[in-house]
Amino acid sequence: MAEVSAPAAELAAPVAMSLVDIAAKLNGLGYSVQSVTKTEGGYVVNMTDANGMPVAATLDPVTGLPFVPAAQ
């Protein structure tokens, strides 16, 4: 019987979102992005929320969701 292989898309490593994609995603959620910096662990974003409150976050480069480092 022949072995069935997974599609290439399933085997490929996840692709990081671009800086533009990260900013667009956050703008769509109501944030005003001041800066996005790519780091080894993800994206560091400085922004303000809809009420003008400053927000800083480290985001997962693939999902764009907040990244919470594992406890050591």
N, C-alpha and C. Protein backbone atom coordinates (compact mmCIF):
# COMPACT_ATOMS: atom_id res chain seq x y z
N MET A 1 0.84 -1.17 0.00
CA MET A 1 0.00 0.00 0.00
C MET A 1 0.89 1.24 0.00
N ALA A 2 0.53 2.24 -0.78
CA ALA A 2 1.32 3.47 -0.88
C ALA A 2 1.09 4.34 0.36
N GLU A 3 2.17 5.01 0.78
CA GLU A 3 2.09 5.91 1.93
C GLU A 3 1.48 7.24 1.50
N VAL A 4 0.55 7.74 2.28
CA VAL A 4 -0.09 9.00 1.97
C VAL A 4 0.67 10.11 2.69
N SER A 5 1.09 11.12 1.94
CA SER A 5 1.83 12.21 2.57
C SER A 5 0.92 13.42 2.77
N ALA A 6 1.27 14.23 3.76
CA ALA A 6 0.50 15.44 4.05
C ALA A 6 0.76 16.47 2.96
N PRO A 7 -0.22 17.32 2.69
CA PRO A 7 0.00 18.39 1.70
C PRO A 7 1.16 19.29 2.13
N ALA A 8 1.82 19.87 1.16
CA ALA A 8 3.00 20.71 1.44
C ALA A 8 2.67 21.87 2.36
N ALA A 9 1.47 22.40 2.28
CA ALA A 9 1.09 23.54 3.12
C ALA A 9 1.11 23.16 4.59
N GLU A 10 0.77 21.92 4.91
CA GLU A 10 0.77 21.47 6.30
C GLU A 10 2.18 21.28 6.82
N LEU A 11 3.13 21.00 5.95
CA LEU A 11 4.50 20.73 6.36
C LEU A 11 5.33 22.01 6.46
N ALA A 12 4.90 23.05 5.80
CA ALA A 12 5.67 24.30 5.77
C ALA A 12 5.63 24.98 7.13
N ALA A 13 6.72 25.66 7.46
CA ALA A 13 6.78 26.41 8.72
C ALA A 13 5.81 27.58 8.64
N PRO A 14 5.25 27.97 9.78
CA PRO A 14 4.34 29.12 9.78
C PRO A 14 5.06 30.38 9.30
N VAL A 15 4.34 31.22 8.60
CA VAL A 15 4.92 32.44 8.04
C VAL A 15 4.54 33.63 8.91
N ALA A 16 5.54 34.44 9.24
CA ALA A 16 5.30 35.63 10.06
C ALA A 16 4.52 36.67 9.26
N MET A 17 3.66 37.39 9.96
CA MET A 17 2.93 38.50 9.34
C MET A 17 3.92 39.63 9.08
N SER A 18 3.66 40.43 8.08
CA SER A 18 4.52 41.57 7.79
C SER A 18 4.20 42.69 8.77
N LEU A 19 5.10 43.67 8.85
CA LEU A 19 4.86 44.84 9.71
C LEU A 19 3.58 45.55 9.30
N VAL A 20 3.35 45.65 8.00
CA VAL A 20 2.15 46.31 7.47
C VAL A 20 0.90 45.53 7.89
N ASP A 21 0.96 44.19 7.83
CA ASP A 21 -0.18 43.37 8.21
C ASP A 21 -0.49 43.51 9.69
N ILE A 22 0.55 43.54 10.53
CA ILE A 22 0.36 43.71 11.97
C ILE A 22 -0.32 45.05 12.24
N ALA A 23 0.20 46.12 11.64
CA ALA A 23 -0.37 47.46 11.85
C ALA A 23 -1.82 47.51 11.36
N ALA A 24 -2.10 46.92 10.21
CA ALA A 24 -3.45 46.92 9.67
C ALA A 24 -4.41 46.16 10.58
N LYS A 25 -3.97 45.04 11.12
CA LYS A 25 -4.80 44.25 12.02
C LYS A 25 -5.14 45.07 13.27
N LEU A 26 -4.15 45.72 13.84
CA LEU A 26 -4.37 46.52 15.05
C LEU A 26 -5.23 47.74 14.77
N ASN A 27 -5.01 48.40 13.65
CA ASN A 27 -5.85 49.54 13.27
C ASN A 27 -7.30 49.10 13.11
N GLY A 28 -7.51 47.91 12.56
CA GLY A 28 -8.85 47.36 12.40
C GLY A 28 -9.53 47.07 13.72
N LEU A 29 -8.73 46.85 14.77
CA LEU A 29 -9.27 46.60 16.10
C LEU A 29 -9.46 47.89 16.89
N GLY A 30 -9.18 49.04 16.27
CA GLY A 30 -9.41 50.31 16.92
C GLY A 30 -8.19 50.94 17.57
N TYR A 31 -7.02 50.38 17.37
CA TYR A 31 -5.79 50.95 17.92
C TYR A 31 -5.16 51.90 16.92
N SER A 32 -4.44 52.88 17.42
CA SER A 32 -3.66 53.77 16.58
C SER A 32 -2.20 53.41 16.80
N VAL A 33 -1.57 52.83 15.81
CA VAL A 33 -0.21 52.29 15.95
C VAL A 33 0.81 53.40 15.72
N GLN A 34 1.72 53.57 16.70
CA GLN A 34 2.80 54.54 16.57
C GLN A 34 4.07 53.87 16.01
N SER A 35 4.36 52.65 16.48
CA SER A 35 5.56 51.97 15.98
C SER A 35 5.41 50.46 16.12
N VAL A 36 6.07 49.76 15.19
CA VAL A 36 6.14 48.30 15.23
C VAL A 36 7.60 47.95 14.98
N THR A 37 8.17 47.18 15.89
CA THR A 37 9.57 46.77 15.78
C THR A 37 9.65 45.25 15.81
N LYS A 38 10.33 44.67 14.82
CA LYS A 38 10.51 43.23 14.79
C LYS A 38 11.67 42.86 15.70
N THR A 39 11.45 41.88 16.57
CA THR A 39 12.49 41.37 17.45
C THR A 39 12.59 39.87 17.24
N GLU A 40 13.52 39.25 17.96
CA GLU A 40 13.69 37.81 17.85
C GLU A 40 12.43 37.06 18.30
N GLY A 41 11.73 37.61 19.30
CA GLY A 41 10.57 36.93 19.86
C GLY A 41 9.24 37.30 19.26
N GLY A 42 9.20 38.28 18.39
CA GLY A 42 7.94 38.71 17.80
C GLY A 42 7.99 40.16 17.39
N TYR A 43 6.87 40.85 17.54
CA TYR A 43 6.79 42.26 17.21
C TYR A 43 6.48 43.05 18.48
N VAL A 44 7.24 44.10 18.74
CA VAL A 44 6.95 45.01 19.84
C VAL A 44 6.20 46.18 19.24
N VAL A 45 5.01 46.44 19.77
CA VAL A 45 4.13 47.46 19.21
C VAL A 45 3.81 48.50 20.27
N ASN A 46 3.95 49.77 19.90
CA ASN A 46 3.52 50.89 20.73
C ASN A 46 2.34 51.52 20.01
N MET A 47 1.23 51.68 20.77
CA MET A 47 0.01 52.17 20.16
C MET A 47 -0.85 52.84 21.22
N THR A 48 -1.96 53.41 20.79
CA THR A 48 -2.95 53.94 21.72
C THR A 48 -4.28 53.27 21.41
N ASP A 49 -5.09 53.10 22.47
CA ASP A 49 -6.40 52.50 22.24
C ASP A 49 -7.40 53.57 21.83
N ALA A 50 -8.65 53.19 21.67
CA ALA A 50 -9.69 54.11 21.20
C ALA A 50 -9.92 55.28 22.16
N ASN A 51 -9.51 55.11 23.43
CA ASN A 51 -9.67 56.18 24.43
C ASN A 51 -8.41 57.02 24.59
N GLY A 52 -7.41 56.76 23.76
CA GLY A 52 -6.17 57.52 23.82
C GLY A 52 -5.16 57.03 24.84
N MET A 53 -5.45 55.88 25.47
CA MET A 53 -4.53 55.32 26.46
C MET A 53 -3.39 54.60 25.76
N PRO A 54 -2.14 54.84 26.21
CA PRO A 54 -1.01 54.15 25.58
C PRO A 54 -1.01 52.66 25.90
N VAL A 55 -0.63 51.88 24.91
CA VAL A 55 -0.57 50.43 25.05
C VAL A 55 0.73 49.97 24.40
N ALA A 56 1.47 49.12 25.10
CA ALA A 56 2.66 48.49 24.54
C ALA A 56 2.46 46.98 24.65
N ALA A 57 2.79 46.26 23.60
CA ALA A 57 2.59 44.82 23.60
C ALA A 57 3.64 44.14 22.75
N THR A 58 3.92 42.88 23.09
CA THR A 58 4.73 42.02 22.24
C THR A 58 3.78 41.02 21.61
N LEU A 59 3.78 40.98 20.29
CA LEU A 59 2.83 40.14 19.56
C LEU A 59 3.52 38.97 18.89
N ASP A 60 2.81 37.86 18.84
CA ASP A 60 3.28 36.67 18.14
C ASP A 60 3.41 37.02 16.67
N PRO A 61 4.54 36.69 16.04
CA PRO A 61 4.74 37.09 14.64
C PRO A 61 3.84 36.37 13.64
N VAL A 62 3.31 35.21 14.01
CA VAL A 62 2.47 34.46 13.08
C VAL A 62 1.01 34.82 13.23
N THR A 63 0.53 34.91 14.48
CA THR A 63 -0.90 35.15 14.72
C THR A 63 -1.24 36.62 14.92
N GLY A 64 -0.26 37.41 15.37
CA GLY A 64 -0.52 38.81 15.69
C GLY A 64 -1.20 38.99 17.03
N LEU A 65 -1.32 37.91 17.79
CA LEU A 65 -1.93 37.97 19.11
C LEU A 65 -0.87 38.29 20.16
N PRO A 66 -1.28 38.82 21.31
CA PRO A 66 -0.30 39.10 22.37
C PRO A 66 0.48 37.85 22.75
N PHE A 67 1.76 38.03 22.93
CA PHE A 67 2.67 36.94 23.26
C PHE A 67 2.98 36.98 24.75
N VAL A 68 2.69 35.89 25.43
CA VAL A 68 2.99 35.80 26.86
C VAL A 68 4.10 34.78 27.02
N PRO A 69 5.30 35.23 27.46
CA PRO A 69 6.40 34.28 27.59
C PRO A 69 6.09 33.24 28.66
N ALA A 70 6.60 32.05 28.45
CA ALA A 70 6.41 30.96 29.41
C ALA A 70 7.20 31.26 30.68
N ALA A 71 6.64 30.88 31.81
CA ALA A 71 7.33 31.08 33.10
C ALA A 71 8.57 30.22 33.14
N GLN A 72 9.60 30.78 33.73
CA GLN A 72 10.87 30.02 33.78
C GLN A 72 11.09 29.45 35.14
